[in-house]
């Protein structure tokens, strides 16, 4: 299993990119919205809160 995860972990360690922070339970966050909407797509709402 490590042969699959080691390259991912190495890439994360070598990258200056940080993961996006968003509140627990959030259905989306601005960076994800911008990405999906950049070519006219939209997220589907799974459940109303």
Protein backbone atom coordinates (compact mmCIF):
# COMPACT_ATOMS: atom_id res chain seq x y z
CA UNK A 1 0.00 0.00 0.00
CA UNK A 2 2.88 2.40 0.70
CA UNK A 3 4.00 2.26 -2.94
CA UNK A 4 0.79 4.15 -3.74
CA UNK A 5 0.92 6.63 -0.86
CA UNK A 6 4.65 7.43 -0.77
CA UNK A 7 4.55 9.42 -4.05
CA UNK A 8 1.53 11.39 -2.81
CA UNK A 9 3.17 12.16 0.53
CA UNK A 10 6.40 13.19 -1.20
CA UNK A 11 4.54 15.52 -3.55
CA UNK A 12 2.74 17.13 -0.60
CA UNK A 13 6.04 17.58 1.26
CA UNK A 14 7.75 19.12 -1.78
CA UNK A 15 4.88 21.48 -2.61
CA UNK A 16 4.40 25.06 -1.44
CA UNK A 17 0.65 24.72 -1.97
CA UNK A 18 -1.39 24.51 1.21
CA UNK A 19 -4.75 22.75 1.52
CA UNK A 20 -7.81 24.97 1.64
CA UNK A 21 -9.34 25.55 5.06
CA UNK A 22 -13.11 25.33 5.35
CA UNK A 23 -15.56 24.75 8.20
CA UNK A 24 -16.56 21.21 9.13
CA UNK A 25 -19.84 20.25 7.54
CA UNK A 26 -19.52 22.83 4.76
CA UNK A 27 -21.01 21.65 1.49
CA UNK A 28 -18.54 23.76 -0.45
CA UNK A 29 -16.02 26.59 -0.18
CA UNK A 30 -15.06 29.50 -2.46
CA UNK A 31 -12.07 27.82 -4.16
CA UNK A 32 -14.15 24.77 -5.05
CA UNK A 33 -17.01 26.95 -6.28
CA UNK A 34 -14.65 28.97 -8.48
CA UNK A 35 -13.13 25.81 -9.95
CA UNK A 36 -16.40 24.11 -10.84
CA UNK A 37 -18.10 27.30 -12.07
CA UNK A 38 -15.14 28.29 -14.28
CA UNK A 39 -16.58 26.27 -17.17
CA UNK A 40 -20.28 26.69 -16.45
CA UNK A 41 -20.89 23.73 -14.13
CA UNK A 42 -22.64 23.86 -10.75
CA UNK A 43 -22.61 21.77 -7.59
CA UNK A 44 -25.71 19.77 -6.78
CA UNK A 45 -27.21 20.24 -3.33
CA UNK A 46 -27.20 16.90 -1.53
CA UNK A 47 -29.40 17.89 1.41
CA UNK A 48 -30.92 21.06 2.76
CA UNK A 49 -29.60 22.10 6.16
